[in-house]
C-alpha atoms as a PDB file:
ATOM      1  CA  UNK A   1     110.556 -11.316-159.501  1.00  0.00           C
ATOM      2  CA  UNK A   2     110.791 -14.917-160.268  1.00  0.00           C
ATOM      3  CA  UNK A   3     113.001 -15.376-157.185  1.00  0.00           C
ATOM      4  CA  UNK A   4     110.303 -13.699-155.173  1.00  0.00           C
ATOM      5  CA  UNK A   5     107.576 -15.846-156.488  1.00  0.00           C
ATOM      6  CA  UNK A   6     109.651 -19.088-155.626  1.00  0.00           C
ATOM      7  CA  UNK A   7     110.301 -17.772-152.448  1.00  0.00           C
ATOM      8  CA  UNK A   8     106.472 -17.232-151.837  1.00  0.00           C
ATOM      9  CA  UNK A   9     105.473 -20.611-153.173  1.00  0.00           C
ATOM     10  CA  UNK A  10     108.030 -22.425-150.969  1.00  0.00           C
ATOM     11  CA  UNK A  11     106.850 -20.546-148.141  1.00  0.00           C
ATOM     12  CA  UNK A  12     103.129 -21.535-148.909  1.00  0.00           C
ATOM     13  CA  UNK A  13     104.236 -25.122-149.531  1.00  0.00           C
ATOM     14  CA  UNK A  14     106.162 -25.112-146.119  1.00  0.00           C
ATOM     15  CA  UNK A  15     103.035 -23.692-144.471  1.00  0.00           C
ATOM     16  CA  UNK A  16     100.569 -26.417-145.859  1.00  0.00           C
ATOM     17  CA  UNK A  17     103.052 -28.964-145.290  1.00  0.00           C
ATOM     18  CA  UNK A  18     103.353 -28.009-141.691  1.00  0.00           C
ATOM     19  CA  UNK A  19      99.690 -27.714-141.139  1.00  0.00           C
ATOM     20  CA  UNK A  20      99.137 -31.289-142.644  1.00  0.00           C
ATOM     21  CA  UNK A  21     101.726 -32.552-140.356  1.00  0.00           C
ATOM     22  CA  UNK A  22     100.215 -31.036-137.528  1.00  0.00           C
ATOM     23  CA  UNK A  23      96.710 -32.281-138.360  1.00  0.00           C
ATOM     24  CA  UNK A  24      98.023 -35.771-139.183  1.00  0.00           C
ATOM     25  CA  UNK A  25      99.654 -35.589-135.758  1.00  0.00           C
ATOM     26  CA  UNK A  26      96.515 -34.734-134.091  1.00  0.00           C
ATOM     27  CA  UNK A  27      94.752 -37.520-135.555  1.00  0.00           C
ATOM     28  CA  UNK A  28      97.195 -39.932-134.486  1.00  0.00           C
ATOM     29  CA  UNK A  29      97.458 -38.501-131.007  1.00  0.00           C
ATOM     30  CA  UNK A  30      93.372 -39.099-131.047  1.00  0.00           C
ATOM     31  CA  UNK A  31      93.689 -42.443-132.377  1.00  0.00           C
ATOM     32  CA  UNK A  32      96.314 -43.514-129.646  1.00  0.00           C
ATOM     33  CA  UNK A  33      94.114 -41.916-127.018  1.00  0.00           C
ATOM     34  CA  UNK A  34      91.351 -43.762-128.242  1.00  0.00           C
ATOM     35  CA  UNK A  35      93.183 -47.176-128.234  1.00  0.00           C
ATOM     36  CA  UNK A  36      94.411 -46.408-124.588  1.00  0.00           C
ATOM     37  CA  UNK A  37      90.665 -45.926-123.571  1.00  0.00           C
ATOM     38  CA  UNK A  38      89.775 -49.248-125.304  1.00  0.00           C
ATOM     39  CA  UNK A  39      92.575 -51.206-123.712  1.00  0.00           C
ATOM     40  CA  UNK A  40      91.460 -49.781-120.251  1.00  0.00           C
ATOM     41  CA  UNK A  41      87.946 -51.321-120.686  1.00  0.00           C
ATOM     42  CA  UNK A  42      88.547 -54.022-123.195  1.00  0.00           C
ATOM     43  CA  UNK A  43      88.542 -56.783-120.443  1.00  0.00           C
ATOM     44  CA  UNK A  44      85.468 -55.740-118.659  1.00  0.00           C
ATOM     45  CA  UNK A  45      83.455 -54.935-121.783  1.00  0.00           C
ATOM     46  CA  UNK A  46      84.381 -58.442-123.195  1.00  0.00           C
ATOM     47  CA  UNK A  47      83.371 -60.184-119.983  1.00  0.00           C
ATOM     48  CA  UNK A  48      79.980 -58.245-119.888  1.00  0.00           C
ATOM     49  CA  UNK A  49      79.463 -59.143-123.601  1.00  0.00           C
ATOM     50  CA  UNK A  50      80.432 -62.861-123.052  1.00  0.00           C
ATOM     51  CA  UNK A  51      77.991 -62.856-119.992  1.00  0.00           C
ATOM     52  CA  UNK A  52      75.114 -61.742-121.849  1.00  0.00           C
ATOM     53  CA  UNK A  53      75.558 -63.741-125.065  1.00  0.00           C
ATOM     54  CA  UNK A  54      76.056 -66.943-122.967  1.00  0.00           C
ATOM     55  CA  UNK A  55      72.828 -66.301-120.886  1.00  0.00           C
ATOM     56  CA  UNK A  56      70.902 -65.480-124.465  1.00  0.00           C
ATOM     57  CA  UNK A  57      72.311 -68.823-125.895  1.00  0.00           C
ATOM     58  CA  UNK A  58      71.109 -70.664-122.770  1.00  0.00           C
ATOM     59  CA  UNK A  59      67.510 -69.169-123.046  1.00  0.00           C
ATOM     60  CA  UNK A  60      67.235 -69.910-126.889  1.00  0.00           C
ATOM     61  CA  UNK A  61      68.954 -73.328-126.977  1.00  0.00           C
ATOM     62  CA  UNK A  62      69.399 -74.805-123.541  1.00  0.00           C
ATOM     63  CA  UNK A  63      65.898 -74.344-121.858  1.00  0.00           C
ATOM     64  CA  UNK A  64      67.298 -72.214-119.338  1.00  0.00           C
ATOM     65  CA  UNK A  65      64.049 -71.091-117.788  1.00  0.00           C
ATOM     66  CA  UNK A  66      62.666 -74.545-118.090  1.00  0.00           C
ATOM     67  CA  UNK A  67      65.630 -76.029-116.196  1.00  0.00           C
ATOM     68  CA  UNK A  68      66.103 -73.437-113.536  1.00  0.00           C
ATOM     69  CA  UNK A  69      62.805 -71.601-113.317  1.00  0.00           C
ATOM     70  CA  UNK A  70      61.267 -73.526-110.393  1.00  0.00           C
ATOM     71  CA  UNK A  71      64.513 -74.225-108.407  1.00  0.00           C
ATOM     72  CA  UNK A  72      65.917 -70.906-108.574  1.00  0.00           C
ATOM     73  CA  UNK A  73      62.603 -68.623-108.768  1.00  0.00           C
ATOM     74  CA  UNK A  74      63.145 -64.956-109.317  1.00  0.00           C
ATOM     75  CA  UNK A  75      66.990 -65.335-109.600  1.00  0.00           C
ATOM     76  CA  UNK A  76      66.779 -66.532-113.288  1.00  0.00           C
ATOM     77  CA  UNK A  77      65.237 -63.051-114.158  1.00  0.00           C
ATOM     78  CA  UNK A  78      67.215 -61.095-111.501  1.00  0.00           C
ATOM     79  CA  UNK A  79      70.452 -62.402-113.222  1.00  0.00           C
ATOM     80  CA  UNK A  80      69.409 -61.974-116.756  1.00  0.00           C
ATOM     81  CA  UNK A  81      68.262 -58.338-115.979  1.00  0.00           C
ATOM     82  CA  UNK A  82      71.890 -57.898-114.411  1.00  0.00           C
ATOM     83  CA  UNK A  83      73.580 -59.133-117.395  1.00  0.00           C
ATOM     84  CA  UNK A  84      71.735 -56.684-119.662  1.00  0.00           C
ATOM     85  CA  UNK A  85      72.358 -53.871-117.539  1.00  0.00           C
ATOM     86  CA  UNK A  86      76.000 -54.699-117.018  1.00  0.00           C
ATOM     87  CA  UNK A  87      76.627 -54.842-120.843  1.00  0.00           C
ATOM     88  CA  UNK A  88      74.974 -51.440-121.143  1.00  0.00           C
ATOM     89  CA  UNK A  89      76.805 -49.994-118.113  1.00  0.00           C
ATOM     90  CA  UNK A  90      80.391 -50.782-119.545  1.00  0.00           C
ATOM     91  CA  UNK A  91      79.182 -49.411-122.811  1.00  0.00           C
ATOM     92  CA  UNK A  92      78.307 -46.357-121.294  1.00  0.00           C
ATOM     93  CA  UNK A  93      81.613 -45.868-119.434  1.00  0.00           C
ATOM     94  CA  UNK A  94      83.420 -46.418-122.754  1.00  0.00           C
ATOM     95  CA  UNK A  95      81.226 -43.984-124.679  1.00  0.00           C
ATOM     96  CA  UNK A  96      81.940 -41.250-122.035  1.00  0.00           C
ATOM     97  CA  UNK A  97      85.707 -41.657-122.317  1.00  0.00           C
ATOM     98  CA  UNK A  98      85.852 -42.218-126.019  1.00  0.00           C
ATOM     99  CA  UNK A  99      82.842 -39.841-127.370  1.00  0.00           C
ATOM    100  CA  UNK A 100      85.159 -36.848-128.194  1.00  0.00           C
ATOM    101  CA  UNK A 101      87.806 -38.873-129.702  1.00  0.00           C
ATOM    102  CA  UNK A 102      88.311 -39.433-133.414  1.00  0.00           C
ATOM    103  CA  UNK A 103      89.890 -42.855-134.361  1.00  0.00           C
ATOM    104  CA  UNK A 104      89.638 -43.485-138.095  1.00  0.00           C
ATOM    105  CA  UNK A 105      93.128 -45.047-138.401  1.00  0.00           C
ATOM    106  CA  UNK A 106      92.672 -47.453-135.646  1.00  0.00           C
ATOM    107  CA  UNK A 107      90.808 -50.208-137.031  1.00  0.00           C
ATOM    108  CA  UNK A 108      90.277 -52.446-133.988  1.00  0.00           C
ATOM    109  CA  UNK A 109      88.863 -49.276-131.945  1.00  0.00           C
ATOM    110  CA  UNK A 110      86.567 -48.566-134.969  1.00  0.00           C
ATOM    111  CA  UNK A 111      85.429 -52.125-135.381  1.00  0.00           C
ATOM    112  CA  UNK A 112      84.451 -52.356-131.654  1.00  0.00           C
ATOM    113  CA  UNK A 113      82.347 -48.963-131.907  1.00  0.00           C
ATOM    114  CA  UNK A 114      80.580 -50.196-135.047  1.00  0.00           C
ATOM    115  CA  UNK A 115      79.772 -53.414-133.285  1.00  0.00           C
ATOM    116  CA  UNK A 116      78.437 -51.412-130.271  1.00  0.00           C
ATOM    117  CA  UNK A 117      76.315 -49.498-132.627  1.00  0.00           C
ATOM    118  CA  UNK A 118      74.931 -52.592-134.354  1.00  0.00           C
ATOM    119  CA  UNK A 119      74.142 -54.243-130.990  1.00  0.00           C
ATOM    120  CA  UNK A 120      72.195 -50.971-130.054  1.00  0.00           C
ATOM    121  CA  UNK A 121      70.239 -50.857-132.991  1.00  0.00           C
ATOM    122  CA  UNK A 122      69.375 -54.530-132.587  1.00  0.00           C
ATOM    123  CA  UNK A 123      67.773 -53.698-129.360  1.00  0.00           C
ATOM    124  CA  UNK A 124      65.890 -50.609-130.340  1.00  0.00           C
ATOM    125  CA  UNK A 125      64.536 -51.917-133.764  1.00  0.00           C
ATOM    126  CA  UNK A 126      60.707 -52.520-133.790  1.00  0.00           C
ATOM    127  CA  UNK A 127      60.851 -55.481-136.031  1.00  0.00           C
ATOM    128  CA  UNK A 128      59.899 -58.215-135.914  1.00  0.00           C
ATOM    129  CA  UNK A 129      57.996 -57.007-132.780  1.00  0.00           C
ATOM    130  CA  UNK A 130      58.109 -54.707-129.765  1.00  0.00           C
ATOM    131  CA  UNK A 131      59.191 -57.555-127.360  1.00  0.00           C
ATOM    132  CA  UNK A 132      62.448 -56.489-125.580  1.00  0.00           C
ATOM    133  CA  UNK A 133      62.741 -53.362-127.610  1.00  0.00           C
ATOM    134  CA  UNK A 134      65.029 -50.921-125.544  1.00  0.00           C
ATOM    135  CA  UNK A 135      65.377 -47.403-127.078  1.00  0.00           C
ATOM    136  CA  UNK A 136      68.783 -45.821-127.287  1.00  0.00           C
ATOM    137  CA  UNK A 137      68.028 -43.341-124.542  1.00  0.00           C
ATOM    138  CA  UNK A 138      66.647 -46.275-122.302  1.00  0.00           C
ATOM    139  CA  UNK A 139      69.994 -48.209-122.962  1.00  0.00           C
ATOM    140  CA  UNK A 140      71.834 -45.268-121.801  1.00  0.00           C
ATOM    141  CA  UNK A 141      69.682 -44.651-118.729  1.00  0.00           C
ATOM    142  CA  UNK A 142      69.948 -48.331-117.809  1.00  0.00           C
ATOM    143  CA  UNK A 143      73.761 -48.125-118.158  1.00  0.00           C
ATOM    144  CA  UNK A 144      73.943 -44.902-116.176  1.00  0.00           C
ATOM    145  CA  UNK A 145      72.089 -46.766-113.202  1.00  0.00           C
ATOM    146  CA  UNK A 146      74.929 -49.301-113.177  1.00  0.00           C
ATOM    147  CA  UNK A 147      77.887 -46.932-113.015  1.00  0.00           C
ATOM    148  CA  UNK A 148      79.517 -46.472-109.608  1.00  0.00           C
ATOM    149  CA  UNK A 149      82.902 -44.963-108.332  1.00  0.00           C
ATOM    150  CA  UNK A 150      85.230 -47.189-106.077  1.00  0.00           C
ATOM    151  CA  UNK A 151      88.694 -46.168-105.116  1.00  0.00           C
ATOM    152  CA  UNK A 152      88.862 -43.388-107.590  1.00  0.00           C
ATOM    153  CA  UNK A 153      87.855 -45.808-110.433  1.00  0.00           C
ATOM    154  CA  UNK A 154      84.507 -45.721-112.438  1.00  0.00           C
ATOM    155  CA  UNK A 155      82.957 -49.222-112.941  1.00  0.00           C
ATOM    156  CA  UNK A 156      79.936 -51.083-112.861  1.00  0.00           C
ATOM    157  CA  UNK A 157      78.213 -52.286-109.742  1.00  0.00           C
ATOM    158  CA  UNK A 158      78.547 -55.877-108.880  1.00  0.00           C
ATOM    159  CA  UNK A 159      75.582 -58.253-108.458  1.00  0.00           C
ATOM    160  CA  UNK A 160      75.134 -58.024-104.633  1.00  0.00           C
ATOM    161  CA  UNK A 161      74.622 -54.152-104.919  1.00  0.00           C
ATOM    162  CA  UNK A 162      72.405 -54.521-107.927  1.00  0.00           C
ATOM    163  CA  UNK A 163      69.996 -56.947-106.097  1.00  0.00           C
ATOM    164  CA  UNK A 164      69.846 -54.548-103.244  1.00  0.00           C
ATOM    165  CA  UNK A 165      68.753 -51.726-105.655  1.00  0.00           C
ATOM    166  CA  UNK A 166      66.639 -54.066-107.876  1.00  0.00           C
ATOM    167  CA  UNK A 167      63.240 -53.465-106.083  1.00  0.00           C
ATOM    168  CA  UNK A 168      63.846 -49.768-106.127  1.00  0.00           C
ATOM    169  CA  UNK A 169      65.530 -47.981-109.226  1.00  0.00           C
ATOM    170  CA  UNK A 170      65.536 -50.980-111.409  1.00  0.00           C
ATOM    171  CA  UNK A 171      61.975 -52.183-110.547  1.00  0.00           C
ATOM    172  CA  UNK A 172      60.585 -50.695-113.930  1.00  0.00           C
ATOM    173  CA  UNK A 173      63.043 -52.817-116.017  1.00  0.00           C
ATOM    174  CA  UNK A 174      62.366 -55.876-113.924  1.00  0.00           C
ATOM    175  CA  UNK A 175      58.676 -55.579-114.686  1.00  0.00           C
ATOM    176  CA  UNK A 176      59.314 -55.259-118.381  1.00  0.00           C
ATOM    177  CA  UNK A 177      61.475 -58.227-118.293  1.00  0.00           C
ATOM    178  CA  UNK A 178      59.191 -60.549-116.613  1.00  0.00           C
ATOM    179  CA  UNK A 179      56.521 -59.549-119.122  1.00  0.00           C
ATOM    180  CA  UNK A 180      58.487 -59.751-122.432  1.00  0.00           C
ATOM    181  CA  UNK A 181      61.420 -62.216-121.997  1.00  0.00           C
ATOM    182  CA  UNK A 182      59.497 -65.441-122.270  1.00  0.00           C
ATOM    183  CA  UNK A 183      57.402 -64.162-125.365  1.00  0.00           C
ATOM    184  CA  UNK A 184      57.924 -66.219-128.504  1.00  0.00           C
ATOM    185  CA  UNK A 185      58.251 -63.026-130.569  1.00  0.00           C
ATOM    186  CA  UNK A 186      61.308 -61.764-128.400  1.00  0.00           C
ATOM    187  CA  UNK A 187      63.368 -64.914-129.478  1.00  0.00           C
ATOM    188  CA  UNK A 188      64.388 -63.290-132.803  1.00  0.00           C
ATOM    189  CA  UNK A 189      65.817 -60.110-131.105  1.00  0.00           C
ATOM    190  CA  UNK A 190      67.538 -62.228-128.697  1.00  0.00           C
ATOM    191  CA  UNK A 191      69.289 -64.317-131.399  1.00  0.00           C
ATOM    192  CA  UNK A 192      70.414 -61.379-133.440  1.00  0.00           C
ATOM    193  CA  UNK A 193      71.816 -59.800-130.334  1.00  0.00           C
ATOM    194  CA  UNK A 194      73.547 -63.001-129.280  1.00  0.00           C
ATOM    195  CA  UNK A 195      75.232 -63.195-132.895  1.00  0.00           C
ATOM    196  CA  UNK A 196      76.546 -59.502-132.605  1.00  0.00           C
ATOM    197  CA  UNK A 197      77.773 -60.042-129.022  1.00  0.00           C
ATOM    198  CA  UNK A 198      79.706 -63.183-130.218  1.00  0.00           C
ATOM    199  CA  UNK A 199      81.458 -60.968-132.807  1.00  0.00           C
ATOM    200  CA  UNK A 200      82.104 -58.229-130.262  1.00  0.00           C
ATOM    201  CA  UNK A 201      83.924 -60.665-127.865  1.00  0.00           C
ATOM    202  CA  UNK A 202      85.812 -62.121-130.719  1.00  0.00           C
ATOM    203  CA  UNK A 203      86.811 -58.504-131.655  1.00  0.00           C
ATOM    204  CA  UNK A 204      87.885 -57.654-128.083  1.00  0.00           C
ATOM    205  CA  UNK A 205      89.791 -61.056-127.564  1.00  0.00           C
ATOM    206  CA  UNK A 206      91.150 -62.041-131.050  1.00  0.00           C
ATOM    207  CA  UNK A 207      93.989 -64.213-129.674  1.00  0.00           C
ATOM    208  CA  UNK A 208      91.332 -66.154-127.474  1.00  0.00           C
ATOM    209  CA  UNK A 209      93.159 -65.309-124.446  1.00  0.00           C
ATOM    210  CA  UNK A 210      90.162 -65.353-122.135  1.00  0.00           C
ATOM    211  CA  UNK A 211      87.461 -66.842-124.329  1.00  0.00           C
ATOM    212  CA  UNK A 212      88.118 -69.756-126.756  1.00  0.00           C
ATOM    213  CA  UNK A 213      86.201 -70.093-129.785  1.00  0.00           C
ATOM    214  CA  UNK A 214      84.176 -73.163-128.683  1.00  0.00           C
ATOM    215  CA  UNK A 215      82.701 -71.087-125.864  1.00  0.00           C
ATOM    216  CA  UNK A 216      80.993 -68.629-128.323  1.00  0.00           C
ATOM    217  CA  UNK A 217      78.096 -70.661-129.754  1.00  0.00           C
ATOM    218  CA  UNK A 218      75.855 -68.735-131.821  1.00  0.00           C
ATOM    219  CA  UNK A 219      72.135 -69.550-131.696  1.00  0.00           C
ATOM    220  CA  UNK A 220      71.480 -70.114-135.282  1.00  0.00           C
ATOM    221  CA  UNK A 221      67.965 -69.322-136.547  1.00  0.00           C
ATOM    222  CA  UNK A 222      67.112 -72.935-137.600  1.00  0.00           C
ATOM    223  CA  UNK A 223      68.200 -74.388-134.243  1.00  0.00           C
ATOM    224  CA  UNK A 224      66.113 -71.864-132.510  1.00  0.00           C
ATOM    225  CA  UNK A 225      62.982 -72.907-134.544  1.00  0.00           C
ATOM    226  CA  UNK A 226      63.843 -76.563-133.921  1.00  0.00           C
ATOM    227  CA  UNK A 227      64.137 -75.748-130.181  1.00  0.00           C
ATOM    228  CA  UNK A 228      60.824 -73.879-130.090  1.00  0.00           C
ATOM    229  CA  UNK A 229      59.170 -76.620-132.266  1.00  0.00           C
ATOM    230  CA  UNK A 230      60.165 -79.079-129.290  1.00  0.00           C
ATOM    231  CA  UNK A 231      58.655 -76.879-126.665  1.00  0.00           C
ATOM    232  CA  UNK A 232      55.344 -76.630-128.371  1.00  0.00           C
ATOM    233  CA  UNK A 233      55.275 -80.135-129.239  1.00  0.00           C
ATOM    234  CA  UNK A 234      55.602 -80.876-125.314  1.00  0.00           C
ATOM    235  CA  UNK A 235      53.272 -78.106-124.086  1.00  0.00           C
ATOM    236  CA  UNK A 236      50.439 -78.836-126.777  1.00  0.00           C
ATOM    237  CA  UNK A 237      48.834 -75.210-125.938  1.00  0.00           C
ATOM    238  CA  UNK A 238      49.530 -73.036-128.861  1.00  0.00           C
ATOM    239  CA  UNK A 239      48.429 -74.474-132.325  1.00  0.00           C
ATOM    240  CA  UNK A 240      48.706 -71.413-134.181  1.00  0.00           C
ATOM    241  CA  UNK A 241      52.354 -70.745-132.976  1.00  0.00           C
ATOM    242  CA  UNK A 242      53.107 -74.334-133.766  1.00  0.00           C
ATOM    243  CA  UNK A 243      51.769 -73.834-137.375  1.00  0.00           C
ATOM    244  CA  UNK A 244      53.792 -70.704-137.923  1.00  0.00           C
ATOM    245  CA  UNK A 245      56.898 -72.721-137.572  1.00  0.00           C
ATOM    246  CA  UNK A 246      56.004 -74.885-140.788  1.00  0.00           C
ATOM    247  CA  UNK A 247      55.861 -74.334-144.403  1.00  0.00           C
ATOM    248  CA  UNK A 248      52.272 -74.604-145.738  1.00  0.00           C
ATOM    249  CA  UNK A 249      53.431 -77.669-147.787  1.00  0.00           C
ATOM    250  CA  UNK A 250      55.132 -79.445-144.750  1.00  0.00           C
ATOM    251  CA  UNK A 251      55.243 -83.238-144.433  1.00  0.00           C
ATOM    252  CA  UNK A 252      55.253 -84.397-140.785  1.00  0.00           C
ATOM    253  CA  UNK A 253      55.865 -87.949-139.957  1.00  0.00           C
ATOM    254  CA  UNK A 254      54.237 -88.280-136.429  1.00  0.00           C
ATOM    255  CA  UNK A 255      55.786 -90.667-133.954  1.00  0.00           C
ATOM    256  CA  UNK A 256      54.309 -94.260-134.633  1.00  0.00           C
ATOM    257  CA  UNK A 257      51.333 -92.547-136.615  1.00  0.00           C
ATOM    258  CA  UNK A 258      50.158 -91.228-140.028  1.00  0.00           C
ATOM    259  CA  UNK A 259      52.119 -88.980-142.127  1.00  0.00           C
ATOM    260  CA  UNK A 260      50.733 -85.573-142.253  1.00  0.00           C
ATOM    261  CA  UNK A 261      50.667 -83.078-145.152  1.00  0.00           C
ATOM    262  CA  UNK A 262      49.924 -79.295-144.869  1.00  0.00           C
ATOM    263  CA  UNK A 263      48.760 -76.999-142.239  1.00  0.00           C
ATOM    264  CA  UNK A 264      45.232 -78.499-141.891  1.00  0.00           C
ATOM    265  CA  UNK A 265      46.269 -81.920-141.127  1.00  0.00           C
ATOM    266  CA  UNK A 266      49.019 -80.829-138.824  1.00  0.00           C
ATOM    267  CA  UNK A 267      46.353 -78.846-136.887  1.00  0.00           C
ATOM    268  CA  UNK A 268      43.854 -81.443-136.542  1.00  0.00           C
ATOM    269  CA  UNK A 269      46.674 -83.848-135.138  1.00  0.00           C
ATOM    270  CA  UNK A 270      48.002 -81.190-132.704  1.00  0.00           C
ATOM    271  CA  UNK A 271      44.467 -80.464-131.423  1.00  0.00           C
ATOM    272  CA  UNK A 272      43.494 -83.880-131.102  1.00  0.00           C
ATOM    273  CA  UNK A 273      46.007 -84.762-128.298  1.00  0.00           C
ATOM    274  CA  UNK A 274      46.510 -87.833-126.727  1.00  0.00           C
ATOM    275  CA  UNK A 275      44.330 -90.357-125.030  1.00  0.00           C
ATOM    276  CA  UNK A 276      46.161 -92.626-122.517  1.00  0.00           C
ATOM    277  CA  UNK A 277      49.803 -91.668-122.676  1.00  0.00           C
ATOM    278  CA  UNK A 278      51.659 -88.533-123.697  1.00  0.00           C
ATOM    279  CA  UNK A 279      55.272 -88.510-125.003  1.00  0.00           C
ATOM    280  CA  UNK A 280      57.652 -85.625-123.956  1.00  0.00           C
ATOM    281  CA  UNK A 281      60.765 -84.929-125.890  1.00  0.00           C
ATOM    282  CA  UNK A 282      63.899 -84.202-123.735  1.00  0.00           C
ATOM    283  CA  UNK A 283      66.616 -82.741-125.986  1.00  0.00           C
ATOM    284  CA  UNK A 284      70.081 -82.799-125.226  1.00  0.00           C
ATOM    285  CA  UNK A 285      71.756 -81.005-128.402  1.00  0.00           C
ATOM    286  CA  UNK A 286      71.092 -79.883-131.837  1.00  0.00           C
ATOM    287  CA  UNK A 287      73.303 -80.376-134.898  1.00  0.00           C
ATOM    288  CA  UNK A 288      72.960 -77.994-137.693  1.00  0.00           C
ATOM    289  CA  UNK A 289      73.848 -78.714-141.441  1.00  0.00           C
ATOM    290  CA  UNK A 290      72.759 -76.755-144.554  1.00  0.00           C
ATOM    291  CA  UNK A 291      68.786 -76.264-144.139  1.00  0.00           C
ATOM    292  CA  UNK A 292      68.830 -79.302-141.740  1.00  0.00           C
ATOM    293  CA  UNK A 293      68.808 -79.348-137.930  1.00  0.00           C
ATOM    294  CA  UNK A 294      68.955 -82.798-136.016  1.00  0.00           C
ATOM    295  CA  UNK A 295      67.662 -82.818-132.592  1.00  0.00           C
ATOM    296  CA  UNK A 296      69.256 -85.447-130.215  1.00  0.00           C
ATOM    297  CA  UNK A 297      68.019 -86.479-126.992  1.00  0.00           C
ATOM    298  CA  UNK A 298      65.469 -88.893-125.340  1.00  0.00           C
ATOM    299  CA  UNK A 299      61.500 -89.444-125.201  1.00  0.00           C
ATOM    300  CA  UNK A 300      59.658 -89.667-122.056  1.00  0.00           C
ATOM    301  CA  UNK A 301      56.237 -91.131-122.057  1.00  0.00           C
ATOM    302  CA  UNK A 302      53.921 -90.761-119.122  1.00  0.00           C
ATOM    303  CA  UNK A 303      50.509 -92.177-118.452  1.00  0.00           C
ATOM    304  CA  UNK A 304      48.093 -89.350-118.437  1.00  0.00           C
ATOM    305  CA  UNK A 305      45.962 -90.464-115.674  1.00  0.00           C
ATOM    306  CA  UNK A 306      48.668 -91.150-113.029  1.00  0.00           C
ATOM    307  CA  UNK A 307      51.524 -89.026-114.360  1.00  0.00           C
ATOM    308  CA  UNK A 308      53.888 -91.944-113.949  1.00  0.00           C
ATOM    309  CA  UNK A 309      56.649 -92.612-116.511  1.00  0.00           C
ATOM    310  CA  UNK A 310      55.648 -95.609-118.684  1.00  0.00           C
ATOM    311  CA  UNK A 311      58.590 -95.580-120.972  1.00  0.00           C
ATOM    312  CA  UNK A 312      62.029 -93.694-121.639  1.00  0.00           C
ATOM    313  CA  UNK A 313      64.150 -94.308-124.662  1.00  0.00           C
ATOM    314  CA  UNK A 314      66.742 -92.691-127.043  1.00  0.00           C
ATOM    315  CA  UNK A 315      65.210 -90.675-129.736  1.00  0.00           C
ATOM    316  CA  UNK A 316      66.049 -88.130-132.383  1.00  0.00           C
ATOM    317  CA  UNK A 317      64.050 -85.833-134.779  1.00  0.00           C
ATOM    318  CA  UNK A 318      65.282 -84.360-138.227  1.00  0.00           C
ATOM    319  CA  UNK A 319      63.987 -81.075-139.506  1.00  0.00           C
ATOM    320  CA  UNK A 320      64.468 -79.898-143.035  1.00  0.00           C
ATOM    321  CA  UNK A 321      63.924 -76.234-143.754  1.00  0.00           C
ATOM    322  CA  UNK A 322      62.892 -74.063-146.705  1.00  0.00           C
ATOM    323  CA  UNK A 323      63.091 -70.112-146.351  1.00  0.00           C
ATOM    324  CA  UNK A 324      63.404 -70.564-142.478  1.00  0.00           C
ATOM    325  CA  UNK A 325      60.331 -72.702-142.290  1.00  0.00           C
ATOM    326  CA  UNK A 326      60.069 -76.444-141.373  1.00  0.00           C
ATOM    327  CA  UNK A 327      59.298 -78.451-144.771  1.00  0.00           C
ATOM    328  CA  UNK A 328      59.768 -81.761-143.310  1.00  0.00           C
ATOM    329  CA  UNK A 329      60.276 -83.452-139.996  1.00  0.00           C
ATOM    330  CA  UNK A 330      60.882 -86.994-139.206  1.00  0.00           C
ATOM    331  CA  UNK A 331      61.566 -89.079-135.956  1.00  0.00           C
ATOM    332  CA  UNK A 332      64.224 -91.586-135.470  1.00  0.00           C
ATOM    333  CA  UNK A 333      64.707 -94.319-132.938  1.00  0.00           C
ATOM    334  CA  UNK A 334      68.626 -93.635-132.680  1.00  0.00           C
ATOM    335  CA  UNK A 335      70.570 -90.583-132.968  1.00  0.00           C
ATOM    336  CA  UNK A 336      72.945 -92.533-135.405  1.00  0.00           C
ATOM    337  CA  UNK A 337      70.211 -93.108-137.799  1.00  0.00           C
ATOM    338  CA  UNK A 338      68.976 -89.463-137.658  1.00  0.00           C
ATOM    339  CA  UNK A 339      72.519 -88.279-138.353  1.00  0.00           C
ATOM    340  CA  UNK A 340      73.096 -90.721-141.233  1.00  0.00           C
ATOM    341  CA  UNK A 341      69.648 -89.711-142.833  1.00  0.00           C
ATOM    342  CA  UNK A 342      70.603 -86.193-142.896  1.00  0.00           C
ATOM    343  CA  UNK A 343      74.256 -86.615-143.760  1.00  0.00           C
ATOM    344  CA  UNK A 344      75.333 -84.881-140.402  1.00  0.00           C
ATOM    345  CA  UNK A 345      77.021 -88.033-139.005  1.00  0.00           C
ATOM    346  CA  UNK A 346      80.166 -87.987-141.203  1.00  0.00           C
END
């Protein structure tokens, strides 16, 4: 009797062990399949993510539209839409191949999938605004429109074919981009997406074989605010947005003028404008520290009546932040002086 029970128990154990081994083997096979799929699309997905994050960085921190808008016309919007659609296209291709595979054991593959989900959420969230909000179904639809088959391979269409189709199937997307891309409330979404895309590129290219670390420049929030401050300072047409960048207790030292305290004094100065000559800040780069940003560049002064340049000189501006708002701003005559004052020159 005992022998029978031992034999029965041994049989059960062997069956359980066999089932466990089989299950484990299937999981490993699925993980391997998922990694094979990821390897197949690693380079094109990394390239699409890099191209999109680069464009978003240039919009946020390098005055892309101000620099190229007039010279290149519609091309600046077309290429931006193409980079967005291209990223969704490669994401959709990868999703189709990998959606039925389970890969909990493969950390790299899982990390890529998690980052893609975070990027998708960053596009579809309705906070802080609806500008550039793209729902998950829309993301997939835009990606599907980009997919083509060439030489028995599934891939994303190139820019030349995209431009041919832009006035047709991509027209609704282009209209939305034209209307929303330059809205101030779209900047926070772009910043968040750009950060996540940088993480995705680094995950796909951990050895920096294609993209060096110095090429992945994240648009930090304080730098974005400082950059927008310069734009509004130059344009002088939206006092409410300009004030929204400042803490209620802000101290602002005007160039060659009085020191302003609080929103009321800043509003009065901003709305007063200039009488004979108007300065324009020409930023070259921003240096960020802990709750400080220094903008380095030049200042151009033009006569209002003739539009001629009266003077141009090296200049810098230092921003101190509290909870994401400018609490203090001060101009400097030289880059070195601003960097020294903020401790960023060491």
